[in-house]
Amino acid sequence: MKYFISEKSVDAYTPPGHSDTCNRRLAGGSLGSLKNVEVIVGEMGPEGYAEGHAHAGCEQAMYIISGRMSAMVGEERAELEAGCLISIPAGVYHEISNPGPDRLKFLLIYSPPRS
């Protein structure tokens, strides 16, 4: 069982419906010791985006580490910066993008895990 995981030690992937996005799963599924939560570090280049979607039966939180994020959750739209948290209830439509000019880095937390 792994208790300590470095983002540099896990493979990067780009989720479907995302552009200029690199995610690294740190916990969830068979990775790490947590079974009821999924944790991912995401990075998005300037002009990168995640197409609108919803996660049925799964809550999501996004915490911005650095950069800026444009987000829509339900009918609400916001421009956010480092230190902000976005809470997305299960089944609620959302989309995000990086308005630039810098790379966006954020933490994604899902409960229960999607994987």
C-alpha atoms as a PDB file:
ATOM      1  CA  MET A   1       0.000   0.000   0.000  1.00  0.00           C
ATOM      2  CA  LYS A   2       1.338   3.446  -0.902  1.00  0.00           C
ATOM      3  CA  TYR A   3       1.101   6.229   1.664  1.00  0.00           C
ATOM      4  CA  PHE A   4       3.438   8.697  -0.080  1.00  0.00           C
ATOM      5  CA  ILE A   5       3.026   9.561  -3.773  1.00  0.00           C
ATOM      6  CA  SER A   6       4.834  12.210  -5.816  1.00  0.00           C
ATOM      7  CA  GLU A   7       3.049  13.707  -8.817  1.00  0.00           C
ATOM      8  CA  LYS A   8       6.306  13.177 -10.752  1.00  0.00           C
ATOM      9  CA  SER A   9       6.030   9.412 -10.186  1.00  0.00           C
ATOM     10  CA  VAL A  10       2.629   8.900 -11.879  1.00  0.00           C
ATOM     11  CA  ASP A  11       1.765   8.888 -15.577  1.00  0.00           C
ATOM     12  CA  ALA A  12       0.125  11.944 -17.131  1.00  0.00           C
ATOM     13  CA  TYR A  13      -3.023  11.694 -19.243  1.00  0.00           C
ATOM     14  CA  THR A  14      -5.456  13.987 -21.047  1.00  0.00           C
ATOM     15  CA  PRO A  15      -9.134  13.313 -20.280  1.00  0.00           C
ATOM     16  CA  PRO A  16     -11.624  13.094 -23.172  1.00  0.00           C
ATOM     17  CA  GLY A  17     -13.191  16.462 -24.040  1.00  0.00           C
ATOM     18  CA  HIS A  18     -10.208  18.427 -22.713  1.00  0.00           C
ATOM     19  CA  SER A  19      -7.723  20.553 -24.640  1.00  0.00           C
ATOM     20  CA  ASP A  20      -4.128  21.330 -23.557  1.00  0.00           C
ATOM     21  CA  THR A  21      -4.718  19.525 -20.256  1.00  0.00           C
ATOM     22  CA  CYS A  22      -2.393  17.196 -18.341  1.00  0.00           C
ATOM     23  CA  ASN A  23      -3.720  15.265 -15.330  1.00  0.00           C
ATOM     24  CA  ARG A  24      -1.898  13.041 -12.844  1.00  0.00           C
ATOM     25  CA  ARG A  25      -3.945  10.803 -10.532  1.00  0.00           C
ATOM     26  CA  LEU A  26      -2.463  10.775  -7.030  1.00  0.00           C
ATOM     27  CA  ALA A  27      -5.130   8.728  -5.232  1.00  0.00           C
ATOM     28  CA  GLY A  28      -8.132   6.655  -6.178  1.00  0.00           C
ATOM     29  CA  GLY A  29      -8.770   3.363  -7.869  1.00  0.00           C
ATOM     30  CA  SER A  30      -5.769   1.100  -7.359  1.00  0.00           C
ATOM     31  CA  LEU A  31      -3.388   3.989  -6.603  1.00  0.00           C
ATOM     32  CA  GLY A  32      -2.587   4.889  -3.004  1.00  0.00           C
ATOM     33  CA  SER A  33      -4.300   3.913   0.221  1.00  0.00           C
ATOM     34  CA  LEU A  34      -7.545   5.946  -0.145  1.00  0.00           C
ATOM     35  CA  LYS A  35     -10.630   4.085  -1.327  1.00  0.00           C
ATOM     36  CA  ASN A  36     -13.431   6.688  -0.987  1.00  0.00           C
ATOM     37  CA  VAL A  37     -11.841   9.687  -2.669  1.00  0.00           C
ATOM     38  CA  GLU A  38      -9.948  10.393  -5.894  1.00  0.00           C
ATOM     39  CA  VAL A  39      -7.270  13.122  -6.005  1.00  0.00           C
ATOM     40  CA  ILE A  40      -5.789  14.476  -9.237  1.00  0.00           C
ATOM     41  CA  VAL A  41      -3.337  17.274 -10.005  1.00  0.00           C
ATOM     42  CA  GLY A  42      -4.316  19.021 -13.236  1.00  0.00           C
ATOM     43  CA  GLU A  43      -2.493  21.511 -15.427  1.00  0.00           C
ATOM     44  CA  MET A  44      -3.987  23.454 -18.313  1.00  0.00           C
ATOM     45  CA  GLY A  45      -2.193  25.647 -20.809  1.00  0.00           C
ATOM     46  CA  PRO A  46      -3.386  29.097 -21.872  1.00  0.00           C
ATOM     47  CA  GLU A  47      -6.538  28.734 -23.991  1.00  0.00           C
ATOM     48  CA  GLY A  48      -6.954  25.171 -22.653  1.00  0.00           C
ATOM     49  CA  TYR A  49     -10.432  23.991 -21.671  1.00  0.00           C
ATOM     50  CA  ALA A  50     -12.642  21.184 -20.442  1.00  0.00           C
ATOM     51  CA  GLU A  51     -15.878  20.874 -22.421  1.00  0.00           C
ATOM     52  CA  GLY A  52     -19.089  21.094 -20.436  1.00  0.00           C
ATOM     53  CA  HIS A  53     -20.074  17.896 -18.653  1.00  0.00           C
ATOM     54  CA  ALA A  54     -21.505  16.480 -15.409  1.00  0.00           C
ATOM     55  CA  HIS A  55     -20.534  13.577 -13.138  1.00  0.00           C
ATOM     56  CA  ALA A  56     -23.587  11.566 -12.073  1.00  0.00           C
ATOM     57  CA  GLY A  57     -23.312  10.271  -8.520  1.00  0.00           C
ATOM     58  CA  CYS A  58     -19.974  11.977  -7.888  1.00  0.00           C
ATOM     59  CA  GLU A  59     -19.181  15.250  -6.092  1.00  0.00           C
ATOM     60  CA  GLN A  60     -16.194  17.272  -7.292  1.00  0.00           C
ATOM     61  CA  ALA A  61     -14.055  20.020  -5.798  1.00  0.00           C
ATOM     62  CA  MET A  62     -11.384  22.007  -7.643  1.00  0.00           C
ATOM     63  CA  TYR A  63      -8.764  24.030  -5.768  1.00  0.00           C
ATOM     64  CA  ILE A  64      -6.666  26.462  -7.807  1.00  0.00           C
ATOM     65  CA  ILE A  65      -2.957  26.254  -6.957  1.00  0.00           C
ATOM     66  CA  SER A  66      -1.669  28.779  -9.525  1.00  0.00           C
ATOM     67  CA  GLY A  67      -2.903  30.691 -12.543  1.00  0.00           C
ATOM     68  CA  ARG A  68      -6.451  31.772 -13.393  1.00  0.00           C
ATOM     69  CA  MET A  69      -9.579  29.784 -14.213  1.00  0.00           C
ATOM     70  CA  SER A  70     -12.810  30.697 -15.925  1.00  0.00           C
ATOM     71  CA  ALA A  71     -15.550  28.392 -14.648  1.00  0.00           C
ATOM     72  CA  MET A  72     -19.242  27.782 -15.140  1.00  0.00           C
ATOM     73  CA  VAL A  73     -21.136  25.611 -12.643  1.00  0.00           C
ATOM     74  CA  GLY A  74     -24.835  25.246 -13.323  1.00  0.00           C
ATOM     75  CA  GLU A  75     -25.900  28.727 -14.420  1.00  0.00           C
ATOM     76  CA  GLU A  76     -23.157  30.580 -12.485  1.00  0.00           C
ATOM     77  CA  ARG A  77     -19.984  31.843 -14.164  1.00  0.00           C
ATOM     78  CA  ALA A  78     -16.852  33.141 -12.382  1.00  0.00           C
ATOM     79  CA  GLU A  79     -13.257  34.175 -13.035  1.00  0.00           C
ATOM     80  CA  LEU A  80     -11.080  32.685 -10.275  1.00  0.00           C
ATOM     81  CA  GLU A  81      -7.474  32.817  -9.120  1.00  0.00           C
ATOM     82  CA  ALA A  82      -5.078  30.847  -6.919  1.00  0.00           C
ATOM     83  CA  GLY A  83      -6.526  30.077  -3.492  1.00  0.00           C
ATOM     84  CA  CYS A  84     -10.128  29.636  -4.716  1.00  0.00           C
ATOM     85  CA  LEU A  85     -12.205  26.463  -4.380  1.00  0.00           C
ATOM     86  CA  ILE A  86     -15.032  25.381  -6.683  1.00  0.00           C
ATOM     87  CA  SER A  87     -17.651  22.991  -5.273  1.00  0.00           C
ATOM     88  CA  ILE A  88     -19.626  20.954  -7.809  1.00  0.00           C
ATOM     89  CA  PRO A  89     -22.503  18.784  -6.576  1.00  0.00           C
ATOM     90  CA  ALA A  90     -23.119  15.416  -8.239  1.00  0.00           C
ATOM     91  CA  GLY A  91     -24.862  15.688 -11.605  1.00  0.00           C
ATOM     92  CA  VAL A  92     -24.353  19.466 -12.021  1.00  0.00           C
ATOM     93  CA  TYR A  93     -23.154  20.675 -15.444  1.00  0.00           C
ATOM     94  CA  HIS A  94     -19.793  22.473 -15.388  1.00  0.00           C
ATOM     95  CA  GLU A  95     -17.045  23.659 -17.713  1.00  0.00           C
ATOM     96  CA  ILE A  96     -13.665  25.296 -17.158  1.00  0.00           C
ATOM     97  CA  SER A  97     -11.044  27.091 -19.211  1.00  0.00           C
ATOM     98  CA  ASN A  98      -7.754  28.895 -18.756  1.00  0.00           C
ATOM     99  CA  PRO A  99      -8.071  32.529 -19.870  1.00  0.00           C
ATOM    100  CA  GLY A 100      -4.247  32.808 -19.715  1.00  0.00           C
ATOM    101  CA  PRO A 101      -1.648  34.069 -20.004  1.00  0.00           C
ATOM    102  CA  ASP A 102       0.003  31.596 -17.564  1.00  0.00           C
ATOM    103  CA  ARG A 103      -0.435  27.852 -17.046  1.00  0.00           C
ATOM    104  CA  LEU A 104      -3.202  26.884 -14.666  1.00  0.00           C
ATOM    105  CA  LYS A 105      -2.502  24.302 -11.952  1.00  0.00           C
ATOM    106  CA  PHE A 106      -5.292  22.878  -9.800  1.00  0.00           C
ATOM    107  CA  LEU A 107      -6.237  20.014  -7.540  1.00  0.00           C
ATOM    108  CA  LEU A 108      -9.292  17.866  -8.382  1.00  0.00           C
ATOM    109  CA  ILE A 109     -11.053  15.877  -5.692  1.00  0.00           C
ATOM    110  CA  TYR A 110     -13.853  13.401  -6.460  1.00  0.00           C
ATOM    111  CA  SER A 111     -16.043  11.532  -3.991  1.00  0.00           C
ATOM    112  CA  PRO A 112     -16.711   8.751  -4.505  1.00  0.00           C
ATOM    113  CA  PRO A 113     -13.841   8.020  -6.907  1.00  0.00           C
ATOM    114  CA  ARG A 114     -14.750   7.866 -10.597  1.00  0.00           C
ATOM    115  CA  SER A 115     -12.143   5.248 -11.460  1.00  0.00           C
END
